[in-house]
Amino acid sequence: MIKLTPKQQRVFDFIRDTLKRTGAPPTRAEIADALGFASANAAQAHLQTLARKGVIELGSRRSRGIRLVGADADDDDPAEDGTTLAVIGRVAAGAPVLAVENIERRVSISPGLFSAPADYLLTVRGDSMVGAGILDGDLLGVKAGGEIRNGQIGVFRIDDEVTVKRFHRAGNDVRLQAENPAYEDIRVDPQRDSFALEGLAVGIVRSV
C-alpha cells in the first residue's frame, strides 16, 4: 500500500474530488489556491512527488495534465453512458466557437441532463441572465445551429462578440433580452448588422 503524507493526501484528495465534480483535473494554480500553497510551483512539487509514488500520472505541456492511477483511475474516465463535451471559455474575436483556442477542457455529461442533446458547453461570463437562473461561472449546454423561437434563450454572435440572451423578433426587428434589469436589451437589424445564431440553450451545469 502506498503511504502518503497528510499534505500529499490532501493534494491527492483534491484532485480526485475535482475530477468527480467537474470531469477535469485542477490546474496547478487551482491546487495552490485551494490548499493554501505559496505558488503553483509549490503545487507542482507535490504533484511530482505523487507521480514518483505512482498514484498519479502527469502529462507534459498541459496545465490540467493530471491522471489518477490504480483503484481511483475510474473516477478520471467519462461514464459509460456519458457524453464528452468541449467547454468553451472566452471566445476569441472572429473565431468559430469550437475553435481549438477557445476550448478550455472537456467534461463528461449525462445525456439526460439537458432538455436536448448539447454539442458543447459555454462558460457563462457576467450576470446579465440571472433572472433566468443562469449565473456567472455556470456551464451552459448549447445545441449548435438550428432555429430559435421567440422567448427561447440562445447564444448569438454580434460582430465579433458572443452573448447569451433571450430571443424576440417582430418582422425585421430583433431584440436580445437580458434577464437582469441592470442591463439594456440589445437591438439588432439582421439586414444591416453582422448577426448569427450560434446555438440554442438546452440547460446548465451549476458551478460550485
C-alpha atoms as a PDB file:
ATOM      1  CA  MET A   1       0.000   0.000   0.000  1.00  0.00           C
ATOM      2  CA  ILE A   2       1.406   3.414  -0.986  1.00  0.00           C
ATOM      3  CA  LYS A   3       1.836   5.688   2.021  1.00  0.00           C
ATOM      4  CA  LEU A   4       1.245   9.411   1.565  1.00  0.00           C
ATOM      5  CA  THR A   5       1.992  12.199   3.997  1.00  0.00           C
ATOM      6  CA  PRO A   6      -1.043  14.176   5.228  1.00  0.00           C
ATOM      7  CA  LYS A   7      -0.206  17.061   2.872  1.00  0.00           C
ATOM      8  CA  GLN A   8       0.246  14.710  -0.101  1.00  0.00           C
ATOM      9  CA  GLN A   9      -3.074  13.046   0.748  1.00  0.00           C
ATOM     10  CA  ARG A  10      -4.793  16.459   0.734  1.00  0.00           C
ATOM     11  CA  VAL A  11      -3.444  17.146  -2.747  1.00  0.00           C
ATOM     12  CA  PHE A  12      -4.481  13.727  -3.991  1.00  0.00           C
ATOM     13  CA  ASP A  13      -7.970  14.039  -2.470  1.00  0.00           C
ATOM     14  CA  PHE A  14      -8.441  17.486  -4.027  1.00  0.00           C
ATOM     15  CA  ILE A  15      -7.522  16.139  -7.475  1.00  0.00           C
ATOM     16  CA  ARG A  16      -9.880  13.183  -7.082  1.00  0.00           C
ATOM     17  CA  ASP A  17     -12.752  15.331  -5.795  1.00  0.00           C
ATOM     18  CA  THR A  18     -12.295  17.894  -8.587  1.00  0.00           C
ATOM     19  CA  LEU A  19     -12.402  15.121 -11.181  1.00  0.00           C
ATOM     20  CA  LYS A  20     -15.641  13.782  -9.699  1.00  0.00           C
ATOM     21  CA  ARG A  21     -17.227  17.246  -9.566  1.00  0.00           C
ATOM     22  CA  THR A  22     -16.165  18.706 -12.920  1.00  0.00           C
ATOM     23  CA  GLY A  23     -14.883  15.803 -15.029  1.00  0.00           C
ATOM     24  CA  ALA A  24     -11.484  17.519 -15.389  1.00  0.00           C
ATOM     25  CA  PRO A  25      -8.418  17.732 -13.130  1.00  0.00           C
ATOM     26  CA  PRO A  26      -7.492  21.018 -11.446  1.00  0.00           C
ATOM     27  CA  THR A  27      -4.697  23.292 -12.633  1.00  0.00           C
ATOM     28  CA  ARG A  28      -1.587  23.840 -10.515  1.00  0.00           C
ATOM     29  CA  ALA A  29      -2.849  27.319  -9.654  1.00  0.00           C
ATOM     30  CA  GLU A  30      -6.214  25.935  -8.514  1.00  0.00           C
ATOM     31  CA  ILE A  31      -4.464  23.390  -6.287  1.00  0.00           C
ATOM     32  CA  ALA A  32      -2.275  26.093  -4.750  1.00  0.00           C
ATOM     33  CA  ASP A  33      -5.254  28.383  -4.144  1.00  0.00           C
ATOM     34  CA  ALA A  34      -7.484  25.671  -2.651  1.00  0.00           C
ATOM     35  CA  LEU A  35      -4.829  24.206  -0.361  1.00  0.00           C
ATOM     36  CA  GLY A  36      -3.053  27.402   0.650  1.00  0.00           C
ATOM     37  CA  PHE A  37       0.269  26.822  -1.090  1.00  0.00           C
ATOM     38  CA  ALA A  38       2.510  29.805  -1.757  1.00  0.00           C
ATOM     39  CA  SER A  39       2.557  29.298  -5.524  1.00  0.00           C
ATOM     40  CA  ALA A  40       1.700  26.994  -8.401  1.00  0.00           C
ATOM     41  CA  ASN A  41       5.332  25.823  -8.274  1.00  0.00           C
ATOM     42  CA  ALA A  42       4.743  24.503  -4.754  1.00  0.00           C
ATOM     43  CA  ALA A  43       1.717  22.575  -6.036  1.00  0.00           C
ATOM     44  CA  GLN A  44       3.837  21.215  -8.901  1.00  0.00           C
ATOM     45  CA  ALA A  45       6.410  19.900  -6.422  1.00  0.00           C
ATOM     46  CA  HIS A  46       3.705  17.913  -4.625  1.00  0.00           C
ATOM     47  CA  LEU A  47       2.382  16.607  -7.952  1.00  0.00           C
ATOM     48  CA  GLN A  48       5.831  15.394  -8.928  1.00  0.00           C
ATOM     49  CA  THR A  49       6.117  13.570  -5.602  1.00  0.00           C
ATOM     50  CA  LEU A  50       2.711  11.926  -6.131  1.00  0.00           C
ATOM     51  CA  ALA A  51       3.795  10.912  -9.627  1.00  0.00           C
ATOM     52  CA  ARG A  52       7.014   9.349  -8.262  1.00  0.00           C
ATOM     53  CA  LYS A  53       4.922   7.400  -5.765  1.00  0.00           C
ATOM     54  CA  GLY A  54       2.804   6.097  -8.655  1.00  0.00           C
ATOM     55  CA  VAL A  55      -0.636   7.425  -7.650  1.00  0.00           C
ATOM     56  CA  ILE A  56      -0.952   9.949 -10.489  1.00  0.00           C
ATOM     57  CA  GLU A  57       0.464  10.479 -13.961  1.00  0.00           C
ATOM     58  CA  LEU A  58       1.499  13.905 -15.226  1.00  0.00           C
ATOM     59  CA  GLY A  59       1.044  14.895 -18.855  1.00  0.00           C
ATOM     60  CA  SER A  60       3.555  17.264 -20.386  1.00  0.00           C
ATOM     61  CA  ARG A  61       2.715  20.719 -21.775  1.00  0.00           C
ATOM     62  CA  ARG A  62      -0.810  20.742 -20.309  1.00  0.00           C
ATOM     63  CA  SER A  63      -1.910  22.795 -17.307  1.00  0.00           C
ATOM     64  CA  ARG A  64      -4.519  20.143 -16.475  1.00  0.00           C
ATOM     65  CA  GLY A  65      -2.469  17.107 -17.493  1.00  0.00           C
ATOM     66  CA  ILE A  66      -3.094  15.033 -14.347  1.00  0.00           C
ATOM     67  CA  ARG A  67      -4.472  11.498 -14.351  1.00  0.00           C
ATOM     68  CA  LEU A  68      -5.207   9.187 -11.426  1.00  0.00           C
ATOM     69  CA  VAL A  69      -3.584   5.748 -11.387  1.00  0.00           C
ATOM     70  CA  GLY A  70      -4.824   2.485  -9.917  1.00  0.00           C
ATOM     71  CA  ALA A  71      -8.049   1.972  -7.991  1.00  0.00           C
ATOM     72  CA  ASP A  72      -9.073   5.622  -8.270  1.00  0.00           C
ATOM     73  CA  ALA A  73      -8.427   5.869 -12.010  1.00  0.00           C
ATOM     74  CA  ASP A  74     -12.045   5.093 -12.912  1.00  0.00           C
ATOM     75  CA  ASP A  75     -13.023   8.447 -11.387  1.00  0.00           C
ATOM     76  CA  ASP A  76     -10.992  10.076 -14.163  1.00  0.00           C
ATOM     77  CA  ASP A  77     -12.858   8.397 -17.029  1.00  0.00           C
ATOM     78  CA  PRO A  78     -16.139   9.504 -18.599  1.00  0.00           C
ATOM     79  CA  ALA A  79     -19.139   7.456 -17.548  1.00  0.00           C
ATOM     80  CA  GLU A  80     -20.001   4.692 -19.982  1.00  0.00           C
ATOM     81  CA  ASP A  81     -23.338   6.336 -20.769  1.00  0.00           C
ATOM     82  CA  GLY A  82     -21.928   9.887 -20.699  1.00  0.00           C
ATOM     83  CA  THR A  83     -21.131  12.315 -23.474  1.00  0.00           C
ATOM     84  CA  THR A  84     -17.839  14.194 -23.509  1.00  0.00           C
ATOM     85  CA  LEU A  85     -18.353  17.855 -24.396  1.00  0.00           C
ATOM     86  CA  ALA A  86     -15.914  20.690 -25.017  1.00  0.00           C
ATOM     87  CA  VAL A  87     -16.049  23.539 -22.505  1.00  0.00           C
ATOM     88  CA  ILE A  88     -15.700  26.887 -24.274  1.00  0.00           C
ATOM     89  CA  GLY A  89     -14.186  29.802 -22.381  1.00  0.00           C
ATOM     90  CA  ARG A  90     -13.855  33.323 -23.718  1.00  0.00           C
ATOM     91  CA  VAL A  91     -14.414  33.225 -27.472  1.00  0.00           C
ATOM     92  CA  ALA A  92     -11.602  34.780 -29.498  1.00  0.00           C
ATOM     93  CA  ALA A  93     -12.768  37.627 -31.745  1.00  0.00           C
ATOM     94  CA  GLY A  94     -13.731  36.350 -35.171  1.00  0.00           C
ATOM     95  CA  ALA A  95     -13.009  32.705 -34.330  1.00  0.00           C
ATOM     96  CA  PRO A  96     -15.598  29.908 -34.556  1.00  0.00           C
ATOM     97  CA  VAL A  97     -16.965  29.000 -31.127  1.00  0.00           C
ATOM     98  CA  LEU A  98     -15.484  25.497 -31.329  1.00  0.00           C
ATOM     99  CA  ALA A  99     -12.055  26.675 -32.491  1.00  0.00           C
ATOM    100  CA  VAL A 100      -9.226  24.921 -30.651  1.00  0.00           C
ATOM    101  CA  GLU A 101      -8.062  28.113 -28.949  1.00  0.00           C
ATOM    102  CA  ASN A 102     -11.464  28.560 -27.294  1.00  0.00           C
ATOM    103  CA  ILE A 103     -11.648  25.086 -25.719  1.00  0.00           C
ATOM    104  CA  GLU A 104     -10.663  25.062 -22.033  1.00  0.00           C
ATOM    105  CA  ARG A 105     -11.228  21.379 -21.294  1.00  0.00           C
ATOM    106  CA  ARG A 106     -13.638  18.503 -21.900  1.00  0.00           C
ATOM    107  CA  VAL A 107     -16.077  17.062 -19.373  1.00  0.00           C
ATOM    108  CA  SER A 108     -18.376  14.050 -19.262  1.00  0.00           C
ATOM    109  CA  ILE A 109     -22.075  14.914 -19.110  1.00  0.00           C
ATOM    110  CA  SER A 110     -25.040  12.574 -18.694  1.00  0.00           C
ATOM    111  CA  PRO A 111     -27.184  12.672 -21.875  1.00  0.00           C
ATOM    112  CA  GLY A 112     -30.351  13.139 -19.807  1.00  0.00           C
ATOM    113  CA  LEU A 113     -29.103  16.277 -18.055  1.00  0.00           C
ATOM    114  CA  PHE A 114     -30.368  18.696 -20.729  1.00  0.00           C
ATOM    115  CA  SER A 115     -33.684  19.221 -22.498  1.00  0.00           C
ATOM    116  CA  ALA A 116     -31.998  18.272 -25.811  1.00  0.00           C
ATOM    117  CA  PRO A 117     -28.559  16.870 -26.673  1.00  0.00           C
ATOM    118  CA  ALA A 118     -25.866  19.544 -26.304  1.00  0.00           C
ATOM    119  CA  ASP A 119     -22.967  19.957 -28.719  1.00  0.00           C
ATOM    120  CA  TYR A 120     -20.766  21.940 -26.344  1.00  0.00           C
ATOM    121  CA  LEU A 121     -20.694  23.799 -23.025  1.00  0.00           C
ATOM    122  CA  LEU A 122     -20.179  27.550 -22.815  1.00  0.00           C
ATOM    123  CA  THR A 123     -18.758  29.131 -19.658  1.00  0.00           C
ATOM    124  CA  VAL A 124     -21.109  31.964 -18.685  1.00  0.00           C
ATOM    125  CA  ARG A 125     -19.432  35.310 -18.001  1.00  0.00           C
ATOM    126  CA  GLY A 126     -21.341  38.032 -16.170  1.00  0.00           C
ATOM    127  CA  ASP A 127     -24.751  38.356 -14.528  1.00  0.00           C
ATOM    128  CA  SER A 128     -26.983  39.609 -17.345  1.00  0.00           C
ATOM    129  CA  MET A 129     -29.087  36.388 -17.285  1.00  0.00           C
ATOM    130  CA  VAL A 130     -29.503  35.823 -13.555  1.00  0.00           C
ATOM    131  CA  GLY A 131     -33.282  36.210 -13.833  1.00  0.00           C
ATOM    132  CA  ALA A 132     -33.337  33.087 -15.976  1.00  0.00           C
ATOM    133  CA  GLY A 133     -31.247  31.184 -13.424  1.00  0.00           C
ATOM    134  CA  ILE A 134     -28.053  31.439 -15.488  1.00  0.00           C
ATOM    135  CA  LEU A 135     -25.252  32.611 -13.208  1.00  0.00           C
ATOM    136  CA  ASP A 136     -21.692  33.772 -13.700  1.00  0.00           C
ATOM    137  CA  GLY A 137     -19.445  30.706 -13.998  1.00  0.00           C
ATOM    138  CA  ASP A 138     -22.219  28.279 -14.955  1.00  0.00           C
ATOM    139  CA  LEU A 139     -21.707  25.905 -17.863  1.00  0.00           C
ATOM    140  CA  LEU A 140     -24.450  26.458 -20.431  1.00  0.00           C
ATOM    141  CA  GLY A 141     -25.355  23.457 -22.586  1.00  0.00           C
ATOM    142  CA  VAL A 142     -25.664  24.598 -26.213  1.00  0.00           C
ATOM    143  CA  LYS A 143     -27.160  22.796 -29.201  1.00  0.00           C
ATOM    144  CA  ALA A 144     -25.367  24.254 -32.210  1.00  0.00           C
ATOM    145  CA  GLY A 145     -27.154  25.873 -35.146  1.00  0.00           C
ATOM    146  CA  GLY A 146     -30.802  25.162 -35.824  1.00  0.00           C
ATOM    147  CA  GLU A 147     -33.647  27.626 -35.351  1.00  0.00           C
ATOM    148  CA  ILE A 148     -34.822  29.646 -32.385  1.00  0.00           C
ATOM    149  CA  ARG A 149     -38.345  30.743 -31.458  1.00  0.00           C
ATOM    150  CA  ASN A 150     -39.499  33.852 -29.638  1.00  0.00           C
ATOM    151  CA  GLY A 151     -38.877  33.559 -25.929  1.00  0.00           C
ATOM    152  CA  GLN A 152     -36.105  30.956 -26.171  1.00  0.00           C
ATOM    153  CA  ILE A 153     -32.589  31.557 -24.870  1.00  0.00           C
ATOM    154  CA  GLY A 154     -29.749  31.294 -27.319  1.00  0.00           C
ATOM    155  CA  VAL A 155     -26.104  32.050 -27.934  1.00  0.00           C
ATOM    156  CA  PHE A 156     -25.655  34.806 -30.507  1.00  0.00           C
ATOM    157  CA  ARG A 157     -22.741  36.362 -32.344  1.00  0.00           C
ATOM    158  CA  ILE A 158     -22.922  40.099 -32.988  1.00  0.00           C
ATOM    159  CA  ASP A 159     -19.899  41.204 -34.993  1.00  0.00           C
ATOM    160  CA  ASP A 160     -17.038  39.584 -33.041  1.00  0.00           C
ATOM    161  CA  GLU A 161     -18.866  39.295 -29.712  1.00  0.00           C
ATOM    162  CA  VAL A 162     -20.716  36.226 -28.429  1.00  0.00           C
ATOM    163  CA  THR A 163     -23.575  36.737 -25.965  1.00  0.00           C
ATOM    164  CA  VAL A 164     -26.297  34.704 -24.214  1.00  0.00           C
ATOM    165  CA  LYS A 165     -29.740  36.322 -24.318  1.00  0.00           C
ATOM    166  CA  ARG A 166     -33.473  35.632 -24.704  1.00  0.00           C
ATOM    167  CA  PHE A 167     -34.655  35.982 -28.314  1.00  0.00           C
ATOM    168  CA  HIS A 168     -37.553  38.126 -29.516  1.00  0.00           C
ATOM    169  CA  ARG A 169     -38.340  39.010 -33.118  1.00  0.00           C
ATOM    170  CA  ALA A 170     -41.036  41.129 -34.768  1.00  0.00           C
ATOM    171  CA  GLY A 171     -40.555  41.433 -38.515  1.00  0.00           C
ATOM    172  CA  ASN A 172     -37.018  42.636 -39.134  1.00  0.00           C
ATOM    173  CA  ASP A 173     -36.606  43.876 -35.574  1.00  0.00           C
ATOM    174  CA  VAL A 174     -34.645  41.502 -33.337  1.00  0.00           C
ATOM    175  CA  ARG A 175     -34.392  42.137 -29.612  1.00  0.00           C
ATOM    176  CA  LEU A 176     -31.995  40.182 -27.414  1.00  0.00           C
ATOM    177  CA  GLN A 177     -33.386  40.463 -23.921  1.00  0.00           C
ATOM    178  CA  ALA A 178     -31.266  40.427 -20.782  1.00  0.00           C
ATOM    179  CA  GLU A 179     -32.710  38.827 -17.648  1.00  0.00           C
ATOM    180  CA  ASN A 180     -31.348  41.473 -15.313  1.00  0.00           C
ATOM    181  CA  PRO A 181     -32.862  44.985 -15.042  1.00  0.00           C
ATOM    182  CA  ALA A 182     -29.355  46.443 -14.760  1.00  0.00           C
ATOM    183  CA  TYR A 183     -28.739  45.603 -18.426  1.00  0.00           C
ATOM    184  CA  GLU A 184     -30.391  47.059 -21.510  1.00  0.00           C
ATOM    185  CA  ASP A 185     -31.716  44.799 -24.251  1.00  0.00           C
ATOM    186  CA  ILE A 186     -29.711  44.584 -27.461  1.00  0.00           C
ATOM    187  CA  ARG A 187     -31.478  45.690 -30.643  1.00  0.00           C
ATOM    188  CA  VAL A 188     -30.318  44.070 -33.872  1.00  0.00           C
ATOM    189  CA  ASP A 189     -31.158  44.665 -37.521  1.00  0.00           C
ATOM    190  CA  PRO A 190     -30.259  41.371 -39.247  1.00  0.00           C
ATOM    191  CA  GLN A 191     -30.208  43.121 -42.637  1.00  0.00           C
ATOM    192  CA  ARG A 192     -27.527  45.582 -41.557  1.00  0.00           C
ATOM    193  CA  ASP A 193     -25.726  44.066 -38.571  1.00  0.00           C
ATOM    194  CA  SER A 194     -23.369  41.099 -38.549  1.00  0.00           C
ATOM    195  CA  PHE A 195     -25.615  38.765 -36.560  1.00  0.00           C
ATOM    196  CA  ALA A 196     -25.897  34.983 -36.264  1.00  0.00           C
ATOM    197  CA  LEU A 197     -27.381  32.328 -34.016  1.00  0.00           C
ATOM    198  CA  GLU A 198     -24.591  30.129 -32.648  1.00  0.00           C
ATOM    199  CA  GLY A 199     -26.887  27.733 -30.816  1.00  0.00           C
ATOM    200  CA  LEU A 200     -29.862  27.118 -28.548  1.00  0.00           C
ATOM    201  CA  ALA A 201     -29.502  26.936 -24.750  1.00  0.00           C
ATOM    202  CA  VAL A 202     -30.633  23.487 -23.557  1.00  0.00           C
ATOM    203  CA  GLY A 203     -29.641  23.527 -19.868  1.00  0.00           C
ATOM    204  CA  ILE A 204     -26.996  24.483 -17.339  1.00  0.00           C
ATOM    205  CA  VAL A 205     -24.444  22.850 -15.065  1.00  0.00           C
ATOM    206  CA  ARG A 206     -24.186  24.917 -11.898  1.00  0.00           C
ATOM    207  CA  SER A 207     -20.706  25.989 -10.807  1.00  0.00           C
ATOM    208  CA  VAL A 208     -19.809  25.276  -7.189  1.00  0.00           C
END
